[in-house]
Amino acid sequence: MKHKLSIVLALALTAGCTVAPGTPSSRDWFVASNQLMVFKDAADPAAFTVRGLTGAGPENYWCAAGDFVMNHLHKPGDTRIYLSKPQYRDPAAGGAYTVGYTLAPDAALLAEAESQSGAVFLSLKKPGANMIAFQFGSDCYEVEVIDGNFLVESGQPD
């Protein structure tokens, strides 16, 4: 009887620990080495978004994208990442700046990317901007909180 009561109690306690529908699981999001959050697109396995922090610049978003592709999706460093949705304020994220990326551009996005060939873009505003996942290598800097404010590029190499 004591054993059955323990099982019932354990089930009752864990029943409230379920994840609410629509809440991303840990497989759906990733904290990049520079502390920006990356979220998989539930509808498109090749798409993801990077949510910025105050003070984060274009290089921080691109670094987070590359880190996600190589260290979460386990793709090679020469995997090309395309900007698919320019920087916008995401109301679902409290108005945080967010950027959409894809590893599988459609024909229109690929044509836009090809029209930009021969140049490196860190743009967060021009769809089709692209670079390889390892573009920054290990030179991605952390966005750090100091006294309630965000400071970009802490931990830079000497």
N, C-alpha and C. Protein backbone atom coordinates (compact mmCIF):
# COMPACT_ATOMS: atom_id res chain seq x y z
N MET A 1 0.82 -1.19 0.00
CA MET A 1 0.00 0.00 0.00
C MET A 1 0.86 1.26 0.00
N LYS A 2 1.92 1.22 0.82
CA LYS A 2 2.82 2.36 0.90
C LYS A 2 3.46 2.65 -0.46
N HIS A 3 3.83 1.58 -1.18
CA HIS A 3 4.46 1.71 -2.50
C HIS A 3 3.48 2.34 -3.50
N LYS A 4 2.22 1.88 -3.48
CA LYS A 4 1.21 2.43 -4.39
C LYS A 4 0.96 3.90 -4.11
N LEU A 5 0.95 4.27 -2.83
CA LEU A 5 0.74 5.66 -2.45
C LEU A 5 1.89 6.53 -2.96
N SER A 6 3.11 6.02 -2.91
CA SER A 6 4.28 6.75 -3.41
C SER A 6 4.17 7.00 -4.91
N ILE A 7 3.71 6.00 -5.64
CA ILE A 7 3.56 6.14 -7.09
C ILE A 7 2.48 7.16 -7.41
N VAL A 8 1.35 7.09 -6.73
CA VAL A 8 0.26 8.04 -6.95
C VAL A 8 0.73 9.46 -6.63
N LEU A 9 1.46 9.63 -5.54
CA LEU A 9 1.96 10.93 -5.15
C LEU A 9 2.96 11.46 -6.18
N ALA A 10 3.84 10.62 -6.67
CA ALA A 10 4.82 11.02 -7.68
C ALA A 10 4.12 11.44 -8.97
N LEU A 11 3.12 10.70 -9.38
CA LEU A 11 2.37 11.06 -10.59
C LEU A 11 1.64 12.38 -10.41
N ALA A 12 1.07 12.59 -9.24
CA ALA A 12 0.35 13.83 -8.97
C ALA A 12 1.29 15.03 -9.00
N LEU A 13 2.48 14.87 -8.44
CA LEU A 13 3.44 15.97 -8.42
C LEU A 13 3.98 16.30 -9.81
N THR A 14 4.19 15.28 -10.64
CA THR A 14 4.74 15.53 -11.97
C THR A 14 3.67 15.94 -12.96
N ALA A 15 2.40 15.75 -12.65
CA ALA A 15 1.33 16.12 -13.58
C ALA A 15 1.35 17.62 -13.87
N GLY A 16 1.72 18.42 -12.90
CA GLY A 16 1.76 19.86 -13.10
C GLY A 16 3.02 20.33 -13.82
N CYS A 17 3.91 19.43 -14.16
CA CYS A 17 5.18 19.79 -14.79
C CYS A 17 5.14 19.68 -16.30
N THR A 18 4.00 19.49 -16.88
CA THR A 18 3.93 19.37 -18.33
C THR A 18 4.15 20.72 -18.97
N VAL A 19 4.66 20.70 -20.20
CA VAL A 19 4.92 21.92 -20.95
C VAL A 19 3.64 22.36 -21.62
N ALA A 20 3.32 23.62 -21.52
CA ALA A 20 2.11 24.15 -22.14
C ALA A 20 2.21 24.06 -23.66
N PRO A 21 1.09 23.82 -24.34
CA PRO A 21 1.10 23.77 -25.80
C PRO A 21 1.65 25.09 -26.35
N GLY A 22 2.48 24.98 -27.37
CA GLY A 22 3.05 26.17 -28.00
C GLY A 22 4.34 26.64 -27.34
N THR A 23 4.70 26.06 -26.19
CA THR A 23 5.95 26.41 -25.53
C THR A 23 7.08 25.62 -26.17
N PRO A 24 8.14 26.32 -26.60
CA PRO A 24 9.23 25.58 -27.25
C PRO A 24 9.94 24.65 -26.27
N SER A 25 10.30 23.47 -26.74
CA SER A 25 11.09 22.57 -25.91
C SER A 25 12.56 22.95 -26.08
N SER A 26 13.44 22.37 -25.27
CA SER A 26 14.86 22.71 -25.35
C SER A 26 15.47 22.34 -26.70
N ARG A 27 14.83 21.45 -27.44
CA ARG A 27 15.33 21.11 -28.76
C ARG A 27 14.97 22.18 -29.78
N ASP A 28 14.05 23.07 -29.42
CA ASP A 28 13.57 24.10 -30.34
C ASP A 28 14.28 25.43 -30.17
N TRP A 29 15.11 25.57 -29.15
CA TRP A 29 15.82 26.83 -28.94
C TRP A 29 17.25 26.55 -28.48
N PHE A 30 18.07 27.58 -28.57
CA PHE A 30 19.50 27.44 -28.32
C PHE A 30 20.02 28.78 -27.82
N VAL A 31 20.87 28.77 -26.82
CA VAL A 31 21.55 29.99 -26.38
C VAL A 31 22.93 29.98 -27.02
N ALA A 32 23.14 30.94 -27.90
CA ALA A 32 24.43 31.03 -28.61
C ALA A 32 25.54 31.44 -27.65
N SER A 33 26.77 31.26 -28.05
CA SER A 33 27.92 31.57 -27.19
C SER A 33 27.95 33.05 -26.81
N ASN A 34 27.31 33.91 -27.61
CA ASN A 34 27.27 35.34 -27.29
C ASN A 34 26.00 35.72 -26.53
N GLN A 35 25.26 34.73 -26.06
CA GLN A 35 24.08 34.87 -25.21
C GLN A 35 22.79 35.25 -25.96
N LEU A 36 22.81 35.38 -27.28
CA LEU A 36 21.58 35.62 -28.03
C LEU A 36 20.81 34.30 -28.14
N MET A 37 19.49 34.40 -28.14
CA MET A 37 18.62 33.22 -28.22
C MET A 37 18.28 32.93 -29.68
N VAL A 38 18.31 31.65 -30.03
CA VAL A 38 17.98 31.20 -31.37
C VAL A 38 16.83 30.21 -31.26
N PHE A 39 15.81 30.39 -32.11
CA PHE A 39 14.61 29.55 -32.07
C PHE A 39 14.38 28.90 -33.42
N LYS A 40 14.16 27.58 -33.40
CA LYS A 40 13.80 26.87 -34.62
C LYS A 40 12.40 27.28 -35.05
N ASP A 41 12.15 27.26 -36.34
CA ASP A 41 10.82 27.50 -36.88
C ASP A 41 10.09 26.16 -36.89
N ALA A 42 8.97 26.08 -36.21
CA ALA A 42 8.23 24.82 -36.10
C ALA A 42 7.70 24.34 -37.46
N ALA A 43 7.42 25.27 -38.36
CA ALA A 43 6.85 24.91 -39.66
C ALA A 43 7.90 24.60 -40.72
N ASP A 44 9.13 25.09 -40.54
CA ASP A 44 10.17 24.92 -41.55
C ASP A 44 11.48 24.53 -40.87
N PRO A 45 11.91 23.27 -41.01
CA PRO A 45 13.13 22.83 -40.31
C PRO A 45 14.41 23.53 -40.75
N ALA A 46 14.39 24.22 -41.90
CA ALA A 46 15.58 24.93 -42.36
C ALA A 46 15.59 26.38 -41.90
N ALA A 47 14.53 26.83 -41.24
CA ALA A 47 14.41 28.23 -40.83
C ALA A 47 14.55 28.39 -39.32
N PHE A 48 15.06 29.55 -38.91
CA PHE A 48 15.20 29.86 -37.49
C PHE A 48 15.26 31.37 -37.32
N THR A 49 15.05 31.82 -36.09
CA THR A 49 15.15 33.24 -35.78
C THR A 49 16.17 33.45 -34.67
N VAL A 50 16.80 34.61 -34.70
CA VAL A 50 17.73 35.01 -33.65
C VAL A 50 17.12 36.22 -32.95
N ARG A 51 16.96 36.11 -31.64
CA ARG A 51 16.41 37.20 -30.84
C ARG A 51 17.57 37.94 -30.21
N GLY A 52 17.63 39.23 -30.45
CA GLY A 52 18.74 40.02 -29.96
C GLY A 52 18.57 40.53 -28.54
N LEU A 53 19.62 41.14 -28.06
CA LEU A 53 19.65 41.82 -26.78
C LEU A 53 19.95 43.28 -27.06
N THR A 54 19.57 44.17 -26.15
CA THR A 54 19.87 45.58 -26.32
C THR A 54 21.37 45.76 -26.53
N GLY A 55 21.73 46.48 -27.55
CA GLY A 55 23.14 46.73 -27.84
C GLY A 55 23.76 45.76 -28.82
N ALA A 56 23.06 44.69 -29.16
CA ALA A 56 23.61 43.71 -30.10
C ALA A 56 23.61 44.29 -31.51
N GLY A 57 24.71 44.12 -32.21
CA GLY A 57 24.83 44.61 -33.58
C GLY A 57 24.72 43.47 -34.57
N PRO A 58 24.79 43.80 -35.86
CA PRO A 58 24.65 42.77 -36.90
C PRO A 58 25.59 41.59 -36.72
N GLU A 59 26.84 41.86 -36.34
CA GLU A 59 27.79 40.75 -36.19
C GLU A 59 27.36 39.79 -35.09
N ASN A 60 26.68 40.30 -34.06
CA ASN A 60 26.21 39.43 -32.98
C ASN A 60 25.11 38.49 -33.46
N TYR A 61 24.19 39.01 -34.30
CA TYR A 61 23.13 38.17 -34.85
C TYR A 61 23.70 37.10 -35.76
N TRP A 62 24.61 37.51 -36.66
CA TRP A 62 25.21 36.55 -37.59
C TRP A 62 26.04 35.51 -36.85
N CYS A 63 26.77 35.94 -35.81
CA CYS A 63 27.55 34.99 -35.01
C CYS A 63 26.64 33.96 -34.34
N ALA A 64 25.53 34.43 -33.77
CA ALA A 64 24.58 33.52 -33.13
C ALA A 64 24.01 32.54 -34.15
N ALA A 65 23.72 33.03 -35.35
CA ALA A 65 23.20 32.15 -36.40
C ALA A 65 24.22 31.07 -36.75
N GLY A 66 25.48 31.46 -36.93
CA GLY A 66 26.53 30.49 -37.24
C GLY A 66 26.75 29.49 -36.12
N ASP A 67 26.75 29.97 -34.90
CA ASP A 67 26.91 29.11 -33.74
C ASP A 67 25.78 28.08 -33.69
N PHE A 68 24.56 28.51 -33.90
CA PHE A 68 23.40 27.62 -33.91
C PHE A 68 23.52 26.55 -34.99
N VAL A 69 23.89 26.98 -36.19
CA VAL A 69 23.98 26.04 -37.32
C VAL A 69 25.05 24.97 -37.05
N MET A 70 26.20 25.39 -36.55
CA MET A 70 27.29 24.44 -36.34
C MET A 70 27.14 23.63 -35.05
N ASN A 71 26.72 24.26 -33.96
CA ASN A 71 26.74 23.59 -32.67
C ASN A 71 25.41 23.04 -32.18
N HIS A 72 24.32 23.44 -32.81
CA HIS A 72 23.02 22.88 -32.43
C HIS A 72 22.47 21.98 -33.53
N LEU A 73 22.59 22.45 -34.77
CA LEU A 73 22.13 21.63 -35.90
C LEU A 73 23.22 20.67 -36.38
N HIS A 74 24.46 20.90 -35.93
CA HIS A 74 25.62 20.06 -36.28
C HIS A 74 25.87 20.02 -37.79
N LYS A 75 25.73 21.19 -38.42
CA LYS A 75 26.03 21.33 -39.85
C LYS A 75 27.48 21.78 -39.99
N PRO A 76 28.10 21.51 -41.15
CA PRO A 76 29.50 21.93 -41.33
C PRO A 76 29.63 23.46 -41.41
N GLY A 77 30.83 23.95 -41.15
CA GLY A 77 31.10 25.38 -41.14
C GLY A 77 30.88 26.07 -42.47
N ASP A 78 30.92 25.31 -43.58
CA ASP A 78 30.72 25.94 -44.89
C ASP A 78 29.23 25.99 -45.29
N THR A 79 28.33 25.66 -44.36
CA THR A 79 26.89 25.76 -44.62
C THR A 79 26.52 27.24 -44.78
N ARG A 80 25.84 27.57 -45.86
CA ARG A 80 25.47 28.95 -46.13
C ARG A 80 24.17 29.29 -45.41
N ILE A 81 24.17 30.47 -44.75
CA ILE A 81 23.02 30.98 -44.02
C ILE A 81 22.52 32.21 -44.76
N TYR A 82 21.20 32.30 -44.96
CA TYR A 82 20.58 33.41 -45.68
C TYR A 82 19.66 34.19 -44.76
N LEU A 83 19.73 35.51 -44.84
CA LEU A 83 18.78 36.35 -44.12
C LEU A 83 17.45 36.28 -44.85
N SER A 84 16.42 35.77 -44.19
CA SER A 84 15.13 35.60 -44.84
C SER A 84 14.09 36.61 -44.39
N LYS A 85 14.23 37.09 -43.16
CA LYS A 85 13.27 38.08 -42.64
C LYS A 85 14.07 39.18 -41.95
N PRO A 86 14.03 40.39 -42.52
CA PRO A 86 14.80 41.50 -41.94
C PRO A 86 14.45 41.75 -40.47
N GLN A 87 15.34 42.42 -39.80
CA GLN A 87 15.17 42.71 -38.38
C GLN A 87 13.82 43.37 -38.13
N TYR A 88 13.12 42.88 -37.12
CA TYR A 88 11.81 43.40 -36.75
C TYR A 88 11.63 43.28 -35.24
N ARG A 89 10.70 44.01 -34.71
CA ARG A 89 10.37 43.90 -33.28
C ARG A 89 9.30 42.84 -33.13
N ASP A 90 9.60 41.82 -32.36
CA ASP A 90 8.69 40.69 -32.19
C ASP A 90 7.80 40.90 -30.98
N PRO A 91 6.50 41.16 -31.20
CA PRO A 91 5.61 41.39 -30.06
C PRO A 91 5.52 40.17 -29.14
N ALA A 92 5.70 38.97 -29.69
CA ALA A 92 5.65 37.76 -28.87
C ALA A 92 6.86 37.64 -27.94
N ALA A 93 7.89 38.43 -28.23
CA ALA A 93 9.11 38.40 -27.41
C ALA A 93 9.29 39.72 -26.67
N GLY A 94 8.18 40.38 -26.35
CA GLY A 94 8.26 41.65 -25.62
C GLY A 94 8.84 42.78 -26.43
N GLY A 95 8.76 42.69 -27.75
CA GLY A 95 9.29 43.74 -28.62
C GLY A 95 10.77 43.62 -28.91
N ALA A 96 11.38 42.50 -28.57
CA ALA A 96 12.81 42.31 -28.82
C ALA A 96 13.08 42.28 -30.32
N TYR A 97 14.21 42.84 -30.72
CA TYR A 97 14.61 42.77 -32.13
C TYR A 97 14.91 41.32 -32.49
N THR A 98 14.38 40.88 -33.61
CA THR A 98 14.49 39.50 -34.05
C THR A 98 14.80 39.49 -35.54
N VAL A 99 15.57 38.50 -35.98
CA VAL A 99 15.95 38.37 -37.39
C VAL A 99 15.70 36.93 -37.82
N GLY A 100 15.13 36.75 -39.03
CA GLY A 100 14.87 35.42 -39.55
C GLY A 100 15.95 34.97 -40.52
N TYR A 101 16.33 33.71 -40.42
CA TYR A 101 17.35 33.11 -41.30
C TYR A 101 16.83 31.80 -41.86
N THR A 102 17.45 31.35 -42.95
CA THR A 102 17.14 30.04 -43.50
C THR A 102 18.39 29.41 -44.09
N LEU A 103 18.37 28.09 -44.13
CA LEU A 103 19.44 27.34 -44.78
C LEU A 103 18.99 26.86 -46.16
N ALA A 104 17.72 27.05 -46.47
CA ALA A 104 17.14 26.58 -47.73
C ALA A 104 16.31 27.70 -48.37
N PRO A 105 16.97 28.65 -49.03
CA PRO A 105 16.23 29.77 -49.60
C PRO A 105 15.34 29.33 -50.76
N ASP A 106 14.18 30.00 -50.89
CA ASP A 106 13.34 29.73 -52.05
C ASP A 106 13.96 30.45 -53.26
N ALA A 107 13.38 30.28 -54.42
CA ALA A 107 13.95 30.82 -55.66
C ALA A 107 14.11 32.34 -55.61
N ALA A 108 13.12 33.04 -55.07
CA ALA A 108 13.17 34.50 -55.00
C ALA A 108 14.30 34.97 -54.07
N LEU A 109 14.44 34.33 -52.92
CA LEU A 109 15.49 34.71 -51.98
C LEU A 109 16.87 34.37 -52.54
N LEU A 110 16.98 33.24 -53.22
CA LEU A 110 18.24 32.85 -53.84
C LEU A 110 18.63 33.84 -54.94
N ALA A 111 17.66 34.30 -55.74
CA ALA A 111 17.94 35.30 -56.77
C ALA A 111 18.42 36.60 -56.14
N GLU A 112 17.80 36.99 -55.03
CA GLU A 112 18.23 38.20 -54.32
C GLU A 112 19.66 38.03 -53.79
N ALA A 113 19.95 36.85 -53.27
CA ALA A 113 21.30 36.56 -52.76
C ALA A 113 22.33 36.61 -53.88
N GLU A 114 21.99 36.03 -55.03
CA GLU A 114 22.92 36.02 -56.16
C GLU A 114 23.18 37.41 -56.69
N SER A 115 22.21 38.31 -56.59
CA SER A 115 22.41 39.68 -57.05
C SER A 115 23.39 40.43 -56.13
N GLN A 116 23.65 39.88 -54.96
CA GLN A 116 24.56 40.50 -54.00
C GLN A 116 25.93 39.83 -53.99
N SER A 117 26.17 38.89 -54.92
CA SER A 117 27.41 38.12 -54.88
C SER A 117 28.64 39.01 -55.00
N GLY A 118 29.73 38.51 -54.43
CA GLY A 118 31.00 39.24 -54.49
C GLY A 118 31.19 40.19 -53.33
N ALA A 119 30.23 40.29 -52.43
CA ALA A 119 30.36 41.20 -51.29
C ALA A 119 29.95 40.46 -50.02
N VAL A 120 30.54 40.86 -48.93
CA VAL A 120 30.16 40.29 -47.64
C VAL A 120 29.18 41.25 -47.00
N PHE A 121 28.04 40.74 -46.58
CA PHE A 121 27.02 41.58 -45.98
C PHE A 121 26.80 41.17 -44.54
N LEU A 122 26.78 42.12 -43.67
CA LEU A 122 26.35 41.88 -42.30
C LEU A 122 24.97 42.49 -42.10
N SER A 123 24.29 42.71 -43.19
CA SER A 123 23.00 43.37 -43.14
C SER A 123 21.98 42.57 -42.34
N LEU A 124 21.15 43.29 -41.62
CA LEU A 124 20.01 42.69 -40.96
C LEU A 124 18.72 43.18 -41.62
N LYS A 125 18.88 43.93 -42.72
CA LYS A 125 17.73 44.55 -43.36
C LYS A 125 17.52 44.12 -44.80
N LYS A 126 18.51 43.47 -45.40
CA LYS A 126 18.42 43.11 -46.81
C LYS A 126 18.24 41.60 -46.98
N PRO A 127 17.02 41.15 -47.31
CA PRO A 127 16.83 39.71 -47.54
C PRO A 127 17.79 39.22 -48.62
N GLY A 128 18.32 38.05 -48.39
CA GLY A 128 19.28 37.47 -49.32
C GLY A 128 20.72 37.64 -48.87
N ALA A 129 20.96 38.57 -47.92
CA ALA A 129 22.30 38.69 -47.35
C ALA A 129 22.67 37.30 -46.84
N ASN A 130 23.91 36.91 -47.03
CA ASN A 130 24.28 35.54 -46.66
C ASN A 130 25.76 35.43 -46.37
N MET A 131 26.09 34.40 -45.63
CA MET A 131 27.49 34.05 -45.36
C MET A 131 27.53 32.62 -44.84
N ILE A 132 28.73 32.07 -44.78
CA ILE A 132 28.87 30.70 -44.28
C ILE A 132 28.82 30.72 -42.75
N ALA A 133 28.46 29.60 -42.18
CA ALA A 133 28.28 29.49 -40.73
C ALA A 133 29.56 29.82 -39.97
N PHE A 134 30.72 29.47 -40.51
CA PHE A 134 31.98 29.67 -39.80
C PHE A 134 32.61 31.03 -40.10
N GLN A 135 31.86 31.96 -40.68
CA GLN A 135 32.41 33.26 -41.09
C GLN A 135 33.20 33.94 -39.98
N PHE A 136 32.70 33.88 -38.76
CA PHE A 136 33.37 34.56 -37.66
C PHE A 136 34.25 33.62 -36.83
N GLY A 137 34.18 32.34 -37.11
CA GLY A 137 34.98 31.39 -36.34
C GLY A 137 34.70 31.51 -34.87
N SER A 138 35.72 31.62 -34.07
CA SER A 138 35.53 31.73 -32.63
C SER A 138 35.53 33.19 -32.18
N ASP A 139 35.41 34.12 -33.11
CA ASP A 139 35.46 35.54 -32.77
C ASP A 139 34.09 36.13 -32.46
N CYS A 140 33.17 35.33 -32.00
CA CYS A 140 31.86 35.83 -31.60
C CYS A 140 31.97 36.30 -30.16
N TYR A 141 31.55 37.52 -29.92
CA TYR A 141 31.69 38.11 -28.60
C TYR A 141 30.38 38.02 -27.84
N GLU A 142 30.52 37.92 -26.56
CA GLU A 142 29.38 37.80 -25.66
C GLU A 142 28.72 39.15 -25.45
N VAL A 143 27.40 39.14 -25.32
CA VAL A 143 26.66 40.33 -24.93
C VAL A 143 26.42 40.18 -23.44
N GLU A 144 27.03 41.03 -22.65
CA GLU A 144 27.06 40.86 -21.20
C GLU A 144 26.24 41.94 -20.49
N VAL A 145 25.62 41.56 -19.40
CA VAL A 145 24.84 42.51 -18.59
C VAL A 145 25.73 43.03 -17.47
N ILE A 146 25.85 44.37 -17.38
CA ILE A 146 26.62 45.00 -16.31
C ILE A 146 25.74 46.10 -15.72
N ASP A 147 25.45 46.01 -14.44
CA ASP A 147 24.60 46.99 -13.75
C ASP A 147 23.28 47.22 -14.47
N GLY A 148 22.68 46.15 -14.96
CA GLY A 148 21.38 46.26 -15.60
C GLY A 148 21.43 46.74 -17.04
N ASN A 149 22.61 47.05 -17.57
CA ASN A 149 22.76 47.49 -18.95
C ASN A 149 23.52 46.43 -19.73
N PHE A 150 23.28 46.38 -21.03
CA PHE A 150 23.96 45.41 -21.86
C PHE A 150 25.22 46.03 -22.44
N LEU A 151 26.30 45.29 -22.39
CA LEU A 151 27.57 45.71 -22.97
C LEU A 151 27.93 44.67 -24.02
N VAL A 152 28.17 45.12 -25.22
CA VAL A 152 28.47 44.20 -26.32
C VAL A 152 29.98 44.02 -26.41
N GLU A 153 30.37 42.84 -26.83
CA GLU A 153 31.74 42.49 -27.15
C GLU A 153 32.62 42.30 -25.93
N SER A 154 32.06 41.79 -24.84
CA SER A 154 32.92 41.42 -23.73
C SER A 154 33.64 40.13 -24.12
N GLY A 155 34.76 39.88 -23.54
CA GLY A 155 35.48 38.67 -23.82
C GLY A 155 36.18 38.66 -25.16
N GLN A 156 36.49 39.84 -25.71
CA GLN A 156 37.21 39.88 -26.98
C GLN A 156 38.60 39.31 -26.80
N PRO A 157 39.13 38.71 -27.87
CA PRO A 157 40.50 38.20 -27.75
C PRO A 157 41.49 39.34 -27.54
N ASP A 158 42.57 39.02 -26.82
CA ASP A 158 43.61 40.06 -26.56
C ASP A 158 44.36 40.42 -27.82
